[in-house]
């Protein structure tokens, strides 16, 4: 349900933020501007390079099917790609209202984490707003399941915050070992323990991705690559950086529910598609419990 207790005030950016860089999948240089927005506006994307295109709310019902990333659009037209790292930064720092202007199809990748976005947002600062942020307090388990025993189970918790416990397991022959990580999602925890976790890829996956038309601009220095031997091409920020990045992606995808979540999420082998299903389930439940609540698009 939507809770009226223990709520924090909504927040937006104090001043605009401008960042420029190439996208991860397509390599097109893009400028993204994060702009302050009014109360109850939510997070919304705007393509400034296209005429007569609608603004795209960061909501689950605008998600389009895509490989290894989150893509938003209308109908079957992708308009904003690889949104998860920016949305994780906004969610992790409790930014409720923001207009995101973009002059290319894909959000800049930087180092494949949320670190650059977090640094820029913290540098400009946040402004508290008058209205409280809406929060979905989990009262009974919400479960989504996928292939290969993948699952997300969101359960009630005894604290008014989101805790995520992630189990990463690529199988017994995989070069990346089983990893587990759990964190209470607060701004301090996100900035210090999660935001710098980078996108990673198995060496065996790179050829298939390039054959599919993705990442032709990337070199070995641009990616965190796990060799078949289990060795990495660059030093890791943490020994369990992979599972921390999975948690980061999940937090960004859950932002598509359009509401802050209080509960304990246990994740096993999940990916973007399953994350999107949980975001949609949370959105439906929150709207059912609070039919009068609305979010500006």
Protein backbone atom coordinates (compact mmCIF):
# COMPACT_ATOMS: atom_id res chain seq x y z
CA UNK A 1 0.00 0.00 0.00
CA UNK A 2 1.02 3.64 -0.20
CA UNK A 3 2.18 4.70 3.23
CA UNK A 4 1.55 8.04 4.88
CA UNK A 5 3.96 7.29 7.72
CA UNK A 6 7.72 7.77 7.89
CA UNK A 7 7.69 9.56 4.55
CA UNK A 8 10.47 11.82 3.42
CA UNK A 9 9.77 14.97 1.41
CA UNK A 10 10.06 14.84 -2.36
CA UNK A 11 13.32 16.15 -3.83
CA UNK A 12 14.57 17.63 -7.07
CA UNK A 13 17.89 19.01 -8.28
CA UNK A 14 18.92 22.45 -7.07
CA UNK A 15 20.36 23.41 -10.49
CA UNK A 16 20.63 21.82 -13.93
CA UNK A 17 23.35 19.25 -14.65
CA UNK A 18 24.90 18.74 -18.11
CA UNK A 19 26.98 15.68 -19.04
CA UNK A 20 28.33 14.49 -22.41
CA UNK A 21 29.70 11.16 -23.56
CA UNK A 22 29.19 8.19 -25.93
CA UNK A 23 26.59 5.51 -25.33
CA UNK A 24 27.59 1.96 -24.42
CA UNK A 25 25.74 0.05 -27.14
CA UNK A 26 25.68 2.47 -30.09
CA UNK A 27 28.66 4.73 -29.40
CA UNK A 28 26.84 7.92 -30.39
CA UNK A 29 28.01 10.94 -28.38
CA UNK A 30 25.10 12.38 -26.44
CA UNK A 31 24.53 15.33 -24.15
CA UNK A 32 22.16 14.71 -21.27
CA UNK A 33 20.74 17.53 -19.15
CA UNK A 34 19.15 16.83 -15.78
CA UNK A 35 16.72 19.63 -14.95
CA UNK A 36 14.84 20.45 -11.74
CA UNK A 37 11.13 19.62 -11.90
CA UNK A 38 8.00 20.44 -9.93
CA UNK A 39 6.46 18.29 -7.21
CA UNK A 40 4.73 15.11 -8.42
CA UNK A 41 6.35 15.43 -11.85
CA UNK A 42 8.33 12.22 -11.51
CA UNK A 43 11.22 11.34 -13.83
CA UNK A 44 10.63 12.04 -17.51
CA UNK A 45 12.81 11.86 -20.65
CA UNK A 46 12.73 14.33 -23.55
CA UNK A 47 14.55 13.86 -26.88
CA UNK A 48 15.61 17.38 -27.88
CA UNK A 49 17.02 16.27 -31.26
CA UNK A 50 13.67 14.98 -32.52
CA UNK A 51 10.70 17.12 -33.48
CA UNK A 52 7.17 16.26 -32.38
CA UNK A 53 8.14 13.36 -30.12
CA UNK A 54 6.31 12.91 -26.84
CA UNK A 55 8.01 13.08 -23.47
CA UNK A 56 8.67 9.60 -22.10
CA UNK A 57 7.93 9.04 -18.41
CA UNK A 58 10.29 6.66 -16.63
CA UNK A 59 7.55 4.09 -16.13
CA UNK A 60 7.19 0.40 -16.74
CA UNK A 61 4.47 0.81 -19.36
CA UNK A 62 6.96 2.54 -21.69
CA UNK A 63 9.51 -0.33 -21.57
CA UNK A 64 10.38 -1.95 -24.90
CA UNK A 65 12.04 -5.35 -25.39
CA UNK A 66 15.82 -5.02 -25.73
CA UNK A 67 19.03 -6.97 -25.20
CA UNK A 68 20.99 -6.41 -21.97
CA UNK A 69 19.64 -2.91 -21.29
CA UNK A 70 16.48 -0.94 -20.53
CA UNK A 71 14.89 0.88 -23.46
CA UNK A 72 11.89 3.22 -23.25
CA UNK A 73 9.67 4.37 -26.07
CA UNK A 74 6.17 4.63 -27.49
CA UNK A 75 4.50 1.90 -29.52
CA UNK A 76 7.44 -0.01 -30.99
CA UNK A 77 9.66 3.07 -31.35
CA UNK A 78 12.68 3.19 -29.01
CA UNK A 79 13.39 6.74 -27.90
CA UNK A 80 15.70 6.46 -24.88
CA UNK A 81 18.12 3.58 -24.42
CA UNK A 82 20.25 2.29 -21.52
CA UNK A 83 18.41 4.25 -18.86
CA UNK A 84 19.18 1.99 -15.90
CA UNK A 85 22.44 3.56 -14.64
CA UNK A 86 21.04 7.09 -14.61
CA UNK A 87 17.77 5.94 -13.04
CA UNK A 88 19.73 4.06 -10.38
CA UNK A 89 21.59 7.26 -9.51
CA UNK A 90 18.36 9.26 -9.26
CA UNK A 91 16.66 6.55 -7.21
CA UNK A 92 19.66 5.92 -4.99
CA UNK A 93 19.92 9.63 -4.15
CA UNK A 94 16.15 10.01 -3.63
CA UNK A 95 15.59 12.35 -6.56
CA UNK A 96 11.85 12.16 -7.18
CA UNK A 97 11.33 14.85 -9.82
CA UNK A 98 13.61 15.48 -12.79
CA UNK A 99 13.28 16.25 -16.49
CA UNK A 100 16.01 14.46 -18.47
CA UNK A 101 16.79 16.07 -21.83
CA UNK A 102 18.78 13.99 -24.32
CA UNK A 103 19.99 14.84 -27.84
CA UNK A 104 20.71 11.26 -29.00
CA UNK A 105 19.16 7.79 -28.68
CA UNK A 106 21.24 6.54 -25.74
CA UNK A 107 22.24 7.84 -22.32
CA UNK A 108 26.04 8.32 -22.05
CA UNK A 109 27.79 5.32 -20.52
CA UNK A 110 30.93 6.87 -18.98
CA UNK A 111 32.59 3.98 -17.10
CA UNK A 112 29.50 1.75 -17.18
CA UNK A 113 28.39 2.61 -13.65
CA UNK A 114 26.35 5.32 -11.90
CA UNK A 115 29.40 7.07 -10.44
CA UNK A 116 29.56 10.04 -12.82
CA UNK A 117 25.83 10.73 -12.51
CA UNK A 118 26.00 10.58 -8.71
CA UNK A 119 28.99 12.91 -8.55
CA UNK A 120 27.29 15.49 -10.77
CA UNK A 121 24.01 15.36 -8.85
CA UNK A 122 25.73 15.69 -5.49
CA UNK A 123 27.84 18.57 -6.77
CA UNK A 124 24.81 20.59 -7.84
CA UNK A 125 22.86 19.60 -4.72
CA UNK A 126 19.24 18.71 -3.99
CA UNK A 127 16.24 20.77 -2.96
CA UNK A 128 13.56 19.41 -0.66
CA UNK A 129 10.00 20.01 -1.80
CA UNK A 130 6.78 20.35 0.14
CA UNK A 131 4.84 17.21 -0.72
CA UNK A 132 5.84 13.81 0.71
CA UNK A 133 7.29 11.14 -1.53
CA UNK A 134 4.87 8.27 -2.08
CA UNK A 135 6.10 4.92 -0.77
CA UNK A 136 4.89 1.39 -1.39
CA UNK A 137 5.10 -0.58 1.88
CA UNK A 138 5.12 -4.28 1.07
CA UNK A 139 2.49 -6.10 3.16
CA UNK A 140 2.60 -9.51 1.47
CA UNK A 141 5.16 -11.16 -0.84
CA UNK A 142 5.32 -10.12 -4.49
CA UNK A 143 7.03 -12.75 -6.65
CA UNK A 144 8.10 -12.91 -10.30
CA UNK A 145 9.93 -15.87 -11.81
CA UNK A 146 11.86 -16.47 -15.00
CA UNK A 147 13.89 -19.17 -16.72
CA UNK A 148 16.79 -21.05 -15.12
CA UNK A 149 15.44 -20.60 -11.60
CA UNK A 150 15.63 -16.81 -11.84
CA UNK A 151 13.37 -15.04 -9.37
CA UNK A 152 12.62 -11.80 -7.58
CA UNK A 153 10.73 -11.97 -4.28
CA UNK A 154 9.75 -8.74 -2.55
CA UNK A 155 8.73 -9.27 1.07
CA UNK A 156 7.66 -7.07 3.98
CA UNK A 157 10.43 -5.61 6.12
CA UNK A 158 10.51 -4.17 9.60
CA UNK A 159 12.14 -0.92 8.48
CA UNK A 160 10.86 1.82 6.19
CA UNK A 161 13.45 1.35 3.47
CA UNK A 162 14.36 -0.97 0.62
CA UNK A 163 16.85 -3.76 1.23
CA UNK A 164 18.14 -5.79 -1.72
CA UNK A 165 19.86 -9.17 -1.35
CA UNK A 166 21.30 -10.46 -4.61
CA UNK A 167 22.51 -13.95 -5.54
CA UNK A 168 24.59 -14.08 -8.73
CA UNK A 169 25.22 -17.54 -10.18
CA UNK A 170 26.26 -18.20 -13.78
CA UNK A 171 26.57 -21.94 -13.21
CA UNK A 172 29.31 -24.39 -12.16
CA UNK A 173 31.53 -23.90 -15.24
CA UNK A 174 31.33 -20.11 -15.39
CA UNK A 175 34.50 -18.01 -14.99
CA UNK A 176 32.67 -15.67 -12.58
CA UNK A 177 32.15 -17.42 -9.22
CA UNK A 178 28.93 -17.32 -7.22
CA UNK A 179 28.57 -13.95 -5.50
CA UNK A 180 26.12 -12.67 -2.89
CA UNK A 181 25.61 -9.13 -1.69
CA UNK A 182 22.99 -7.41 0.45
CA UNK A 183 22.51 -3.70 1.14
CA UNK A 184 20.04 -1.31 2.71
CA UNK A 185 19.44 1.26 -0.01
CA UNK A 186 20.23 4.68 1.41
CA UNK A 187 21.98 7.56 -0.36
CA UNK A 188 25.20 6.97 1.60
CA UNK A 189 25.20 3.23 0.93
CA UNK A 190 24.45 3.73 -2.75
CA UNK A 191 27.20 6.31 -3.26
CA UNK A 192 29.87 4.45 -1.27
CA UNK A 193 29.13 0.81 -1.99
CA UNK A 194 27.12 0.48 -5.21
CA UNK A 195 27.35 3.46 -7.58
CA UNK A 196 30.86 2.68 -8.87
CA UNK A 197 30.07 -0.94 -9.79
CA UNK A 198 30.62 -1.17 -13.55
CA UNK A 199 28.98 -3.00 -16.42
CA UNK A 200 30.79 -6.27 -17.09
CA UNK A 201 30.80 -8.83 -19.84
CA UNK A 202 32.17 -12.31 -20.39
CA UNK A 203 34.84 -12.51 -23.07
CA UNK A 204 32.76 -15.21 -24.76
CA UNK A 205 29.83 -12.79 -25.09
CA UNK A 206 31.65 -9.94 -26.86
CA UNK A 207 31.65 -11.49 -30.34
CA UNK A 208 27.92 -12.25 -30.21
CA UNK A 209 27.11 -8.70 -29.11
CA UNK A 210 29.15 -7.19 -31.95
CA UNK A 211 27.55 -9.58 -34.46
CA UNK A 212 24.20 -8.26 -33.25
CA UNK A 213 25.36 -4.74 -34.07
CA UNK A 214 26.29 -3.51 -30.60
CA UNK A 215 29.49 -2.06 -29.22
CA UNK A 216 31.61 -1.86 -32.39
CA UNK A 217 33.20 1.33 -31.04
CA UNK A 218 34.35 -0.33 -27.82
CA UNK A 219 37.89 -1.46 -27.14
CA UNK A 220 39.17 -3.70 -24.38
CA UNK A 221 39.92 -0.56 -22.33
CA UNK A 222 36.26 0.49 -22.41
CA UNK A 223 34.79 -2.67 -20.90
CA UNK A 224 35.19 -4.71 -17.75
CA UNK A 225 35.83 -8.13 -19.31
CA UNK A 226 36.07 -11.49 -17.60
CA UNK A 227 38.38 -13.85 -19.47
CA UNK A 228 37.64 -17.55 -19.81
CA UNK A 229 40.37 -18.12 -17.23
CA UNK A 230 38.44 -16.07 -14.68
CA UNK A 231 40.96 -13.21 -14.86
CA UNK A 232 39.78 -9.64 -15.45
CA UNK A 233 41.17 -7.21 -18.00
CA UNK A 234 41.22 -4.43 -15.38
CA UNK A 235 41.37 -4.29 -11.59
CA UNK A 236 38.00 -4.66 -9.89
CA UNK A 237 36.68 -1.98 -7.55
CA UNK A 238 35.50 -4.77 -5.24
CA UNK A 239 35.98 -8.55 -5.46
CA UNK A 240 32.18 -8.82 -5.79
CA UNK A 241 31.77 -5.90 -8.21
CA UNK A 242 29.64 -8.03 -10.56
CA UNK A 243 26.85 -8.70 -8.07
CA UNK A 244 26.92 -5.06 -6.96
CA UNK A 245 26.38 -3.98 -10.56
CA UNK A 246 23.46 -6.38 -10.88
CA UNK A 247 21.94 -4.74 -7.81
CA UNK A 248 22.58 -1.30 -9.35
CA UNK A 249 20.77 -2.30 -12.55
CA UNK A 250 17.85 -3.65 -10.55
CA UNK A 251 17.49 -0.44 -8.57
CA UNK A 252 17.39 1.56 -11.80
CA UNK A 253 14.80 -0.76 -13.31
CA UNK A 254 12.63 -0.70 -10.17
CA UNK A 255 12.47 3.09 -10.49
CA UNK A 256 10.13 2.38 -13.41
CA UNK A 257 7.46 1.50 -10.84
CA UNK A 258 7.20 5.26 -10.26
CA UNK A 259 7.16 4.90 -6.48
CA UNK A 260 9.64 4.40 -3.64
CA UNK A 261 9.57 0.88 -2.23
CA UNK A 262 9.92 -0.26 1.38
CA UNK A 263 10.56 -3.97 1.74
CA UNK A 264 13.19 -6.69 1.35
CA UNK A 265 13.91 -7.84 -2.19
CA UNK A 266 15.66 -11.18 -2.70
CA UNK A 267 17.00 -11.66 -6.23
CA UNK A 268 18.36 -14.83 -7.82
CA UNK A 269 19.84 -14.77 -11.34
CA UNK A 270 17.56 -11.93 -12.38
CA UNK A 271 18.04 -9.60 -15.33
CA UNK A 272 16.36 -6.58 -16.87
CA UNK A 273 13.27 -8.40 -18.15
CA UNK A 274 12.42 -9.82 -14.72
CA UNK A 275 13.21 -6.48 -13.06
CA UNK A 276 10.69 -4.83 -15.39
CA UNK A 277 8.03 -7.38 -14.44
CA UNK A 278 8.50 -6.61 -10.75
CA UNK A 279 8.36 -2.86 -11.39
CA UNK A 280 5.06 -3.36 -13.21
CA UNK A 281 3.67 -5.54 -10.41
CA UNK A 282 4.59 -2.95 -7.76
CA UNK A 283 3.03 -0.17 -9.82
CA UNK A 284 -0.22 -2.10 -10.18
CA UNK A 285 -0.39 -2.87 -6.47
CA UNK A 286 0.36 0.70 -5.43
CA UNK A 287 -2.31 2.06 -7.78
CA UNK A 288 -4.83 -0.49 -6.51
CA UNK A 289 -4.21 0.55 -2.91
CA UNK A 290 -4.20 4.28 -3.72
CA UNK A 291 -6.51 4.87 -6.69
CA UNK A 292 -6.50 8.61 -6.18
CA UNK A 293 -2.75 8.88 -6.61
CA UNK A 294 -1.58 10.25 -9.95
CA UNK A 295 1.76 11.06 -11.51
CA UNK A 296 2.28 13.80 -14.09
CA UNK A 297 3.75 12.66 -17.36
